[in-house]
N, C-alpha and C. Protein backbone atom coordinates (compact mmCIF):
# COMPACT_ATOMS: atom_id res chain seq x y z
N UNK A 1 -7.05 -13.96 -5.01
CA UNK A 1 -5.91 -13.26 -5.57
C UNK A 1 -4.66 -14.02 -5.16
N UNK A 2 -3.75 -14.19 -6.08
CA UNK A 2 -2.55 -14.96 -5.77
C UNK A 2 -1.63 -14.20 -4.84
N UNK A 3 -0.88 -14.93 -4.08
CA UNK A 3 0.10 -14.34 -3.16
C UNK A 3 1.42 -14.28 -3.91
N UNK A 4 1.96 -13.07 -4.11
CA UNK A 4 3.16 -12.93 -4.91
C UNK A 4 4.06 -11.88 -4.28
N UNK A 5 4.69 -12.23 -3.18
CA UNK A 5 5.51 -11.27 -2.43
C UNK A 5 6.62 -10.64 -3.25
N UNK A 6 7.32 -11.33 -4.16
CA UNK A 6 8.37 -10.65 -4.91
C UNK A 6 7.85 -9.49 -5.75
N UNK A 7 6.60 -9.51 -6.15
CA UNK A 7 6.06 -8.41 -6.93
C UNK A 7 5.93 -7.13 -6.14
N UNK A 8 5.89 -7.21 -4.79
CA UNK A 8 5.81 -5.99 -3.98
C UNK A 8 6.98 -5.09 -4.32
N UNK A 9 8.17 -5.67 -4.37
CA UNK A 9 9.36 -4.89 -4.67
C UNK A 9 9.26 -4.25 -6.03
N UNK A 10 8.81 -5.00 -7.01
CA UNK A 10 8.65 -4.47 -8.36
C UNK A 10 7.63 -3.34 -8.39
N UNK A 11 6.51 -3.52 -7.71
CA UNK A 11 5.46 -2.49 -7.71
C UNK A 11 5.96 -1.20 -7.08
N UNK A 12 6.64 -1.30 -5.96
CA UNK A 12 7.11 -0.10 -5.29
C UNK A 12 8.25 0.54 -6.05
N UNK A 13 9.12 -0.27 -6.64
CA UNK A 13 10.19 0.29 -7.45
C UNK A 13 9.60 1.05 -8.63
N UNK A 14 8.58 0.50 -9.27
CA UNK A 14 7.90 1.20 -10.37
C UNK A 14 7.25 2.49 -9.87
N UNK A 15 6.61 2.44 -8.72
CA UNK A 15 5.98 3.64 -8.16
C UNK A 15 7.03 4.69 -7.85
N UNK A 16 8.17 4.26 -7.34
CA UNK A 16 9.24 5.23 -7.04
C UNK A 16 9.72 5.89 -8.32
N UNK A 17 9.83 5.12 -9.38
CA UNK A 17 10.28 5.68 -10.64
C UNK A 17 9.22 6.61 -11.22
N UNK A 18 7.95 6.21 -11.16
CA UNK A 18 6.87 7.03 -11.71
C UNK A 18 6.66 8.33 -10.97
N UNK A 19 6.69 8.27 -9.64
CA UNK A 19 6.31 9.43 -8.84
C UNK A 19 7.49 10.24 -8.32
N UNK A 20 8.70 9.75 -8.46
CA UNK A 20 9.84 10.47 -7.93
C UNK A 20 10.91 10.71 -9.00
N UNK A 21 10.53 10.64 -10.26
CA UNK A 21 11.48 10.84 -11.33
C UNK A 21 12.14 12.19 -11.16
N UNK A 22 13.42 12.33 -11.32
CA UNK A 22 14.37 11.34 -11.81
C UNK A 22 15.10 10.59 -10.71
N UNK A 23 14.40 10.19 -9.69
CA UNK A 23 15.01 9.45 -8.57
C UNK A 23 15.64 8.16 -9.06
N UNK A 24 16.71 7.80 -8.40
CA UNK A 24 17.36 6.53 -8.68
C UNK A 24 17.12 5.63 -7.49
N UNK A 25 16.53 4.49 -7.74
CA UNK A 25 16.17 3.58 -6.66
C UNK A 25 16.91 2.26 -6.83
N UNK A 26 17.38 1.73 -5.70
CA UNK A 26 18.02 0.42 -5.71
C UNK A 26 16.96 -0.66 -5.69
N UNK A 27 17.39 -1.87 -5.91
CA UNK A 27 16.48 -3.02 -5.85
C UNK A 27 16.00 -3.20 -4.41
N UNK A 28 14.69 -3.37 -4.19
CA UNK A 28 14.19 -3.58 -2.82
C UNK A 28 14.78 -4.85 -2.19
N UNK A 29 15.03 -4.77 -0.88
CA UNK A 29 15.53 -5.91 -0.12
C UNK A 29 14.48 -6.32 0.90
N UNK A 30 14.16 -7.59 0.91
CA UNK A 30 13.18 -8.12 1.86
C UNK A 30 13.76 -8.11 3.26
N UNK A 31 13.07 -7.45 4.19
CA UNK A 31 13.43 -7.50 5.60
C UNK A 31 12.90 -8.81 6.17
N UNK A 32 11.63 -9.11 5.84
CA UNK A 32 11.01 -10.34 6.32
C UNK A 32 9.55 -10.41 5.92
N UNK A 33 9.00 -11.62 6.04
CA UNK A 33 7.58 -11.86 5.79
C UNK A 33 6.93 -12.13 7.14
N UNK A 34 5.83 -11.44 7.38
CA UNK A 34 5.13 -11.51 8.67
C UNK A 34 3.66 -11.80 8.40
N UNK A 35 3.27 -13.05 8.57
CA UNK A 35 1.88 -13.40 8.26
C UNK A 35 1.60 -13.11 6.79
N UNK A 36 0.62 -12.24 6.54
CA UNK A 36 0.23 -11.91 5.17
C UNK A 36 0.85 -10.61 4.66
N UNK A 37 1.83 -10.09 5.39
CA UNK A 37 2.50 -8.85 5.02
C UNK A 37 4.00 -9.09 4.88
N UNK A 38 4.64 -8.31 4.03
CA UNK A 38 6.10 -8.36 3.87
C UNK A 38 6.65 -6.96 4.08
N UNK A 39 7.88 -6.89 4.59
CA UNK A 39 8.55 -5.61 4.85
C UNK A 39 9.82 -5.53 4.00
N UNK A 40 10.08 -4.34 3.43
CA UNK A 40 11.20 -4.13 2.53
C UNK A 40 11.91 -2.81 2.81
N UNK A 41 13.14 -2.70 2.32
CA UNK A 41 13.86 -1.43 2.28
C UNK A 41 14.47 -1.29 0.89
N UNK A 42 14.72 -0.06 0.50
CA UNK A 42 15.52 0.22 -0.68
C UNK A 42 16.07 1.64 -0.53
N UNK A 43 17.09 1.94 -1.33
CA UNK A 43 17.67 3.28 -1.33
C UNK A 43 17.16 4.04 -2.54
N UNK A 44 16.74 5.28 -2.30
CA UNK A 44 16.25 6.16 -3.37
C UNK A 44 17.07 7.44 -3.30
N UNK A 45 17.87 7.67 -4.31
CA UNK A 45 18.79 8.83 -4.31
C UNK A 45 19.65 8.87 -3.05
N UNK A 46 20.11 7.68 -2.61
CA UNK A 46 20.98 7.61 -1.45
C UNK A 46 20.27 7.68 -0.11
N UNK A 47 18.94 7.74 -0.11
CA UNK A 47 18.16 7.83 1.13
C UNK A 47 17.37 6.53 1.32
N UNK A 48 17.34 6.05 2.56
CA UNK A 48 16.62 4.81 2.86
C UNK A 48 15.11 5.02 2.82
N UNK A 49 14.42 4.07 2.21
CA UNK A 49 12.97 4.01 2.17
C UNK A 49 12.58 2.63 2.71
N UNK A 50 11.57 2.58 3.57
CA UNK A 50 11.09 1.32 4.14
C UNK A 50 9.59 1.22 3.87
N UNK A 51 9.13 0.04 3.52
CA UNK A 51 7.70 -0.13 3.29
C UNK A 51 7.25 -1.55 3.60
N UNK A 52 5.96 -1.67 3.87
CA UNK A 52 5.32 -2.96 4.07
C UNK A 52 4.21 -3.08 3.05
N UNK A 53 3.94 -4.31 2.62
CA UNK A 53 2.97 -4.49 1.55
C UNK A 53 2.24 -5.82 1.69
N UNK A 54 1.04 -5.85 1.12
CA UNK A 54 0.26 -7.08 1.09
C UNK A 54 -0.63 -7.06 -0.16
N UNK A 55 -1.12 -8.23 -0.51
CA UNK A 55 -2.09 -8.38 -1.60
C UNK A 55 -3.38 -8.94 -1.02
N UNK A 56 -4.50 -8.67 -1.70
CA UNK A 56 -5.78 -9.15 -1.16
C UNK A 56 -5.90 -10.67 -1.19
N UNK A 57 -6.63 -11.19 -0.22
CA UNK A 57 -6.96 -12.61 -0.18
C UNK A 57 -8.10 -12.90 -1.16
N UNK A 58 -8.92 -11.87 -1.40
CA UNK A 58 -10.07 -12.02 -2.29
C UNK A 58 -10.28 -10.71 -3.04
N UNK A 59 -10.43 -10.80 -4.37
CA UNK A 59 -10.70 -9.62 -5.20
C UNK A 59 -12.00 -9.86 -5.96
N UNK A 60 -12.97 -8.97 -5.76
CA UNK A 60 -14.27 -9.13 -6.39
C UNK A 60 -14.57 -7.96 -7.32
N UNK A 61 -15.29 -8.26 -8.39
CA UNK A 61 -15.70 -7.25 -9.34
C UNK A 61 -15.95 -7.90 -10.69
N UNK A 62 -16.78 -7.27 -11.48
CA UNK A 62 -17.12 -7.82 -12.79
C UNK A 62 -16.19 -7.21 -13.84
N UNK A 63 -14.92 -7.61 -13.78
CA UNK A 63 -13.93 -7.11 -14.71
C UNK A 63 -13.35 -8.28 -15.50
N UNK A 64 -12.87 -8.00 -16.71
CA UNK A 64 -12.28 -9.06 -17.52
C UNK A 64 -10.78 -9.14 -17.34
N UNK A 65 -10.18 -8.00 -16.98
CA UNK A 65 -8.73 -7.97 -16.83
C UNK A 65 -8.37 -6.94 -15.76
N UNK A 66 -7.39 -7.31 -14.93
CA UNK A 66 -6.96 -6.40 -13.87
C UNK A 66 -5.52 -6.72 -13.51
N UNK A 67 -4.74 -5.70 -13.27
CA UNK A 67 -3.34 -5.89 -12.87
C UNK A 67 -3.23 -6.28 -11.41
N UNK A 68 -1.99 -6.35 -10.94
CA UNK A 68 -1.73 -6.72 -9.55
C UNK A 68 -2.19 -5.62 -8.60
N UNK A 69 -2.63 -6.03 -7.42
CA UNK A 69 -3.20 -5.14 -6.41
C UNK A 69 -2.32 -5.19 -5.16
N UNK A 70 -1.98 -4.01 -4.60
CA UNK A 70 -1.14 -3.93 -3.42
C UNK A 70 -1.62 -2.84 -2.47
N UNK A 71 -1.57 -3.13 -1.18
CA UNK A 71 -1.72 -2.11 -0.13
C UNK A 71 -0.34 -1.93 0.47
N UNK A 72 0.07 -0.65 0.66
CA UNK A 72 1.42 -0.35 1.15
C UNK A 72 1.39 0.73 2.22
N UNK A 73 2.34 0.64 3.13
CA UNK A 73 2.63 1.72 4.07
C UNK A 73 4.11 2.00 3.94
N UNK A 74 4.47 3.27 3.70
CA UNK A 74 5.85 3.64 3.38
C UNK A 74 6.38 4.71 4.32
N UNK A 75 7.66 4.54 4.71
CA UNK A 75 8.40 5.55 5.47
C UNK A 75 9.51 6.10 4.58
N UNK A 76 9.65 7.42 4.54
CA UNK A 76 10.77 8.09 3.89
C UNK A 76 11.35 9.08 4.91
N UNK A 77 12.20 8.59 5.82
CA UNK A 77 12.68 9.45 6.91
C UNK A 77 13.42 10.70 6.43
N UNK A 78 14.14 10.63 5.34
CA UNK A 78 14.88 11.81 4.86
C UNK A 78 13.93 12.94 4.45
N UNK A 79 12.69 12.57 4.09
CA UNK A 79 11.68 13.57 3.71
C UNK A 79 10.78 13.93 4.89
N UNK A 80 10.98 13.23 6.01
CA UNK A 80 10.14 13.46 7.18
C UNK A 80 8.76 12.86 7.03
N UNK A 81 8.60 11.89 6.13
CA UNK A 81 7.28 11.26 5.97
C UNK A 81 7.30 9.85 6.52
N UNK A 82 6.18 9.47 7.15
CA UNK A 82 6.04 8.12 7.69
C UNK A 82 4.59 7.69 7.55
N UNK A 83 4.40 6.38 7.56
CA UNK A 83 3.05 5.78 7.52
C UNK A 83 2.23 6.19 6.31
N UNK A 84 2.86 6.52 5.19
CA UNK A 84 2.12 6.93 4.00
C UNK A 84 1.42 5.70 3.41
N UNK A 85 0.10 5.72 3.45
CA UNK A 85 -0.70 4.61 2.92
C UNK A 85 -0.95 4.86 1.44
N UNK A 86 -0.70 3.85 0.63
CA UNK A 86 -1.04 3.93 -0.79
C UNK A 86 -1.65 2.60 -1.21
N UNK A 87 -2.48 2.68 -2.24
CA UNK A 87 -3.20 1.51 -2.72
C UNK A 87 -3.08 1.46 -4.23
N UNK A 88 -2.41 0.43 -4.72
CA UNK A 88 -2.28 0.22 -6.16
C UNK A 88 -3.37 -0.76 -6.55
N UNK A 89 -4.29 -0.32 -7.41
CA UNK A 89 -5.52 -1.08 -7.62
C UNK A 89 -5.55 -1.99 -8.84
N UNK A 90 -4.58 -1.90 -9.74
CA UNK A 90 -4.57 -2.80 -10.89
C UNK A 90 -5.47 -2.37 -12.03
N UNK A 91 -6.03 -1.17 -11.94
CA UNK A 91 -6.80 -0.58 -13.02
C UNK A 91 -6.78 0.93 -12.83
N UNK A 92 -7.24 1.68 -13.83
CA UNK A 92 -7.32 3.13 -13.70
C UNK A 92 -8.65 3.47 -13.03
N UNK A 93 -8.57 4.28 -11.97
CA UNK A 93 -9.78 4.70 -11.27
C UNK A 93 -10.60 5.65 -12.13
N UNK A 94 -11.90 5.67 -11.86
CA UNK A 94 -12.81 6.63 -12.47
C UNK A 94 -12.36 8.03 -12.04
N UNK A 95 -12.27 8.93 -12.98
CA UNK A 95 -11.82 10.30 -12.70
C UNK A 95 -12.70 10.96 -11.64
N UNK A 96 -12.06 11.56 -10.64
CA UNK A 96 -12.80 12.25 -9.58
C UNK A 96 -13.42 11.35 -8.54
N UNK A 97 -13.18 10.05 -8.63
CA UNK A 97 -13.79 9.12 -7.67
C UNK A 97 -12.92 8.97 -6.43
N UNK A 98 -13.53 8.46 -5.38
CA UNK A 98 -12.82 8.13 -4.15
C UNK A 98 -12.78 6.61 -4.01
N UNK A 99 -11.87 6.13 -3.20
CA UNK A 99 -11.84 4.73 -2.80
C UNK A 99 -12.12 4.72 -1.30
N UNK A 100 -12.61 3.60 -0.80
CA UNK A 100 -12.95 3.49 0.61
C UNK A 100 -12.19 2.31 1.23
N UNK A 101 -11.66 2.54 2.42
CA UNK A 101 -11.00 1.49 3.19
C UNK A 101 -11.82 1.28 4.46
N UNK A 102 -12.22 0.03 4.69
CA UNK A 102 -12.93 -0.31 5.92
C UNK A 102 -12.09 -1.34 6.66
N UNK A 103 -11.74 -1.00 7.90
CA UNK A 103 -10.98 -1.90 8.77
C UNK A 103 -11.81 -2.10 10.02
N UNK A 104 -12.31 -3.32 10.18
CA UNK A 104 -13.21 -3.62 11.28
C UNK A 104 -14.32 -2.56 11.28
N UNK A 105 -14.47 -1.74 12.31
CA UNK A 105 -15.57 -0.76 12.32
C UNK A 105 -15.12 0.64 11.87
N UNK A 106 -13.86 0.81 11.49
CA UNK A 106 -13.35 2.12 11.05
C UNK A 106 -13.45 2.23 9.53
N UNK A 107 -13.68 3.47 9.07
CA UNK A 107 -13.82 3.72 7.63
C UNK A 107 -12.99 4.94 7.25
N UNK A 108 -12.27 4.84 6.11
CA UNK A 108 -11.42 5.91 5.62
C UNK A 108 -11.72 6.15 4.14
N UNK A 109 -11.65 7.41 3.72
CA UNK A 109 -11.84 7.77 2.32
C UNK A 109 -10.50 8.17 1.74
N UNK A 110 -10.17 7.60 0.57
CA UNK A 110 -8.92 7.89 -0.13
C UNK A 110 -9.23 8.66 -1.41
N UNK A 111 -8.31 9.54 -1.82
CA UNK A 111 -8.46 10.17 -3.13
C UNK A 111 -7.71 9.31 -4.14
N UNK A 112 -8.12 9.38 -5.39
CA UNK A 112 -7.56 8.52 -6.43
C UNK A 112 -6.94 9.34 -7.56
N UNK A 113 -5.95 8.73 -8.19
CA UNK A 113 -5.36 9.27 -9.40
C UNK A 113 -4.76 8.11 -10.17
N UNK A 114 -5.13 7.98 -11.42
CA UNK A 114 -4.67 6.89 -12.26
C UNK A 114 -4.95 5.55 -11.57
N UNK A 115 -3.90 4.75 -11.26
CA UNK A 115 -4.10 3.43 -10.64
C UNK A 115 -3.84 3.41 -9.14
N UNK A 116 -3.72 4.58 -8.52
CA UNK A 116 -3.33 4.63 -7.11
C UNK A 116 -4.31 5.47 -6.30
N UNK A 117 -4.48 5.09 -5.03
CA UNK A 117 -5.29 5.86 -4.09
C UNK A 117 -4.45 6.13 -2.85
N UNK A 118 -4.64 7.32 -2.25
CA UNK A 118 -3.89 7.74 -1.07
C UNK A 118 -4.82 8.35 -0.04
N UNK A 119 -4.34 8.38 1.20
CA UNK A 119 -5.02 9.11 2.26
C UNK A 119 -4.83 10.61 1.98
N UNK A 120 -5.77 11.45 2.40
CA UNK A 120 -5.68 12.88 2.07
C UNK A 120 -4.63 13.67 2.84
N UNK A 121 -4.15 13.13 3.99
CA UNK A 121 -3.20 13.89 4.79
C UNK A 121 -2.45 12.96 5.74
N UNK A 122 -1.40 13.51 6.38
CA UNK A 122 -0.55 12.72 7.27
C UNK A 122 -1.32 12.20 8.49
N UNK A 123 -2.26 12.97 8.98
CA UNK A 123 -3.06 12.52 10.13
C UNK A 123 -3.85 11.25 9.79
N UNK A 124 -4.45 11.24 8.60
CA UNK A 124 -5.19 10.05 8.16
C UNK A 124 -4.25 8.88 7.93
N UNK A 125 -3.05 9.16 7.35
CA UNK A 125 -2.06 8.09 7.18
C UNK A 125 -1.74 7.44 8.52
N UNK A 126 -1.50 8.27 9.55
CA UNK A 126 -1.17 7.73 10.88
C UNK A 126 -2.32 6.90 11.45
N UNK A 127 -3.54 7.39 11.30
CA UNK A 127 -4.71 6.65 11.80
C UNK A 127 -4.87 5.32 11.06
N UNK A 128 -4.69 5.36 9.75
CA UNK A 128 -4.78 4.14 8.94
C UNK A 128 -3.72 3.13 9.38
N UNK A 129 -2.47 3.57 9.52
CA UNK A 129 -1.40 2.66 9.92
C UNK A 129 -1.71 2.04 11.28
N UNK A 130 -2.15 2.85 12.22
CA UNK A 130 -2.49 2.34 13.56
C UNK A 130 -3.64 1.32 13.48
N UNK A 131 -4.65 1.63 12.69
CA UNK A 131 -5.81 0.75 12.58
C UNK A 131 -5.45 -0.55 11.87
N UNK A 132 -4.58 -0.48 10.85
CA UNK A 132 -4.12 -1.69 10.17
C UNK A 132 -3.34 -2.57 11.15
N UNK A 133 -2.47 -1.98 11.95
CA UNK A 133 -1.68 -2.72 12.94
C UNK A 133 -2.57 -3.50 13.90
N UNK A 134 -3.67 -2.88 14.31
CA UNK A 134 -4.52 -3.45 15.35
C UNK A 134 -5.71 -4.25 14.80
N UNK A 135 -6.01 -4.07 13.52
CA UNK A 135 -7.21 -4.67 12.95
C UNK A 135 -7.05 -6.13 12.57
N UNK A 136 -8.17 -6.73 12.19
CA UNK A 136 -8.15 -8.13 11.78
C UNK A 136 -8.40 -8.29 10.28
N UNK A 137 -9.13 -7.36 9.69
CA UNK A 137 -9.43 -7.46 8.26
C UNK A 137 -9.63 -6.10 7.66
N UNK A 138 -9.35 -5.98 6.36
CA UNK A 138 -9.48 -4.72 5.65
C UNK A 138 -10.16 -4.97 4.31
N UNK A 139 -11.11 -4.09 3.96
CA UNK A 139 -11.79 -4.17 2.68
C UNK A 139 -11.63 -2.82 1.98
N UNK A 140 -11.16 -2.86 0.74
CA UNK A 140 -10.97 -1.65 -0.05
C UNK A 140 -11.91 -1.73 -1.25
N UNK A 141 -12.72 -0.67 -1.43
CA UNK A 141 -13.64 -0.62 -2.57
C UNK A 141 -13.30 0.58 -3.44
N UNK A 142 -13.55 0.44 -4.72
CA UNK A 142 -13.28 1.52 -5.67
C UNK A 142 -14.04 1.30 -6.95
N UNK A 143 -13.95 2.28 -7.87
CA UNK A 143 -14.65 2.21 -9.15
C UNK A 143 -13.66 2.51 -10.27
N UNK A 144 -13.62 1.63 -11.25
CA UNK A 144 -12.69 1.80 -12.37
C UNK A 144 -13.19 2.87 -13.34
N UNK A 145 -12.32 3.27 -14.24
CA UNK A 145 -12.68 4.27 -15.25
C UNK A 145 -13.82 3.78 -16.14
N UNK A 146 -14.06 2.49 -16.19
CA UNK A 146 -15.17 1.92 -16.97
C UNK A 146 -16.43 1.72 -16.13
N UNK A 147 -16.37 2.14 -14.86
CA UNK A 147 -17.54 2.05 -13.99
C UNK A 147 -17.65 0.73 -13.24
N UNK A 148 -16.65 -0.11 -13.32
CA UNK A 148 -16.67 -1.39 -12.61
C UNK A 148 -16.33 -1.17 -11.14
N UNK A 149 -17.20 -1.64 -10.27
CA UNK A 149 -16.95 -1.55 -8.83
C UNK A 149 -16.16 -2.77 -8.39
N UNK A 150 -15.16 -2.54 -7.53
CA UNK A 150 -14.33 -3.63 -7.02
C UNK A 150 -14.34 -3.63 -5.50
N UNK A 151 -14.09 -4.80 -4.97
CA UNK A 151 -14.03 -4.98 -3.52
C UNK A 151 -12.90 -5.97 -3.24
N UNK A 152 -11.86 -5.49 -2.56
CA UNK A 152 -10.69 -6.30 -2.26
C UNK A 152 -10.60 -6.53 -0.76
N UNK A 153 -10.45 -7.78 -0.36
CA UNK A 153 -10.44 -8.15 1.05
C UNK A 153 -9.05 -8.63 1.45
N UNK A 154 -8.50 -8.01 2.49
CA UNK A 154 -7.16 -8.29 2.99
C UNK A 154 -7.21 -8.89 4.38
N UNK A 155 -6.25 -9.76 4.66
CA UNK A 155 -5.98 -10.19 6.02
C UNK A 155 -4.96 -9.20 6.60
N UNK A 156 -5.11 -8.86 7.85
CA UNK A 156 -4.14 -7.98 8.51
C UNK A 156 -3.19 -8.77 9.41
N UNK A 157 -3.24 -10.10 9.28
CA UNK A 157 -2.35 -10.96 10.06
C UNK A 157 -0.90 -10.61 9.74
N UNK A 158 -0.13 -10.27 10.77
CA UNK A 158 1.27 -9.95 10.61
C UNK A 158 1.55 -8.48 10.34
N UNK A 159 0.50 -7.66 10.20
CA UNK A 159 0.71 -6.25 9.86
C UNK A 159 1.43 -5.49 10.98
N UNK A 160 1.15 -5.82 12.23
CA UNK A 160 1.84 -5.16 13.35
C UNK A 160 3.33 -5.47 13.34
N UNK A 161 3.68 -6.73 13.11
CA UNK A 161 5.10 -7.13 13.07
C UNK A 161 5.80 -6.52 11.86
N UNK A 162 5.11 -6.46 10.72
CA UNK A 162 5.70 -5.84 9.52
C UNK A 162 5.94 -4.35 9.77
N UNK A 163 4.99 -3.70 10.44
CA UNK A 163 5.14 -2.27 10.75
C UNK A 163 6.30 -2.07 11.72
N UNK A 164 6.41 -2.92 12.72
CA UNK A 164 7.55 -2.85 13.64
C UNK A 164 8.87 -2.98 12.88
N UNK A 165 8.91 -3.89 11.89
CA UNK A 165 10.14 -4.12 11.12
C UNK A 165 10.53 -2.89 10.29
N UNK A 166 9.56 -2.23 9.66
CA UNK A 166 9.92 -1.04 8.87
C UNK A 166 10.26 0.14 9.79
N UNK A 167 9.61 0.20 10.94
CA UNK A 167 9.96 1.25 11.91
C UNK A 167 11.42 1.09 12.34
N UNK A 168 11.80 -0.13 12.67
CA UNK A 168 13.18 -0.40 13.11
C UNK A 168 14.17 -0.12 11.99
N UNK A 169 13.86 -0.60 10.79
CA UNK A 169 14.78 -0.44 9.65
C UNK A 169 15.01 1.02 9.28
N UNK A 170 13.98 1.86 9.46
CA UNK A 170 14.09 3.28 9.11
C UNK A 170 14.27 4.19 10.34
N UNK A 171 14.43 3.59 11.53
CA UNK A 171 14.66 4.39 12.73
C UNK A 171 13.47 5.26 13.11
N UNK A 172 12.25 4.75 12.89
CA UNK A 172 11.02 5.48 13.24
C UNK A 172 10.46 4.95 14.54
N UNK A 173 9.70 5.78 15.23
CA UNK A 173 9.02 5.37 16.46
C UNK A 173 7.55 5.23 16.23
């Protein structure tokens, strides 16, 4: 999978528009690139949002076409939310299916809707963020609406520094 850090901003800006309409979001600003992760901030309705993002090093599956793939962790301090894990998969998930995240020996189940998967609750978000910070590799598997199984492999190099950067930018501990 190609490395395309500027698309992170576009993907999150699109997600902000899709899921927070009629929110007004500014153009994302790069805080920095840390290994295979990048950290950004933007303003949404006058409130600061901070996120870190990465793309897979390897994307597997028997598909003919697939959009860009991103793993993200987002802080929205004005809403009291932090460490929200989301996964943009580049295709529409099979209705009612789950996606799975495996980081080293830890495993997490995400719920899916359209092209995105999320952790089921804030406790899981926190555990995922902590495990991503400390882990060495992450594999995300899912099933498309056409029944195609995918497996995306991420490097977690730089994830701790990227998380530190978004924590600092959004005043989180």
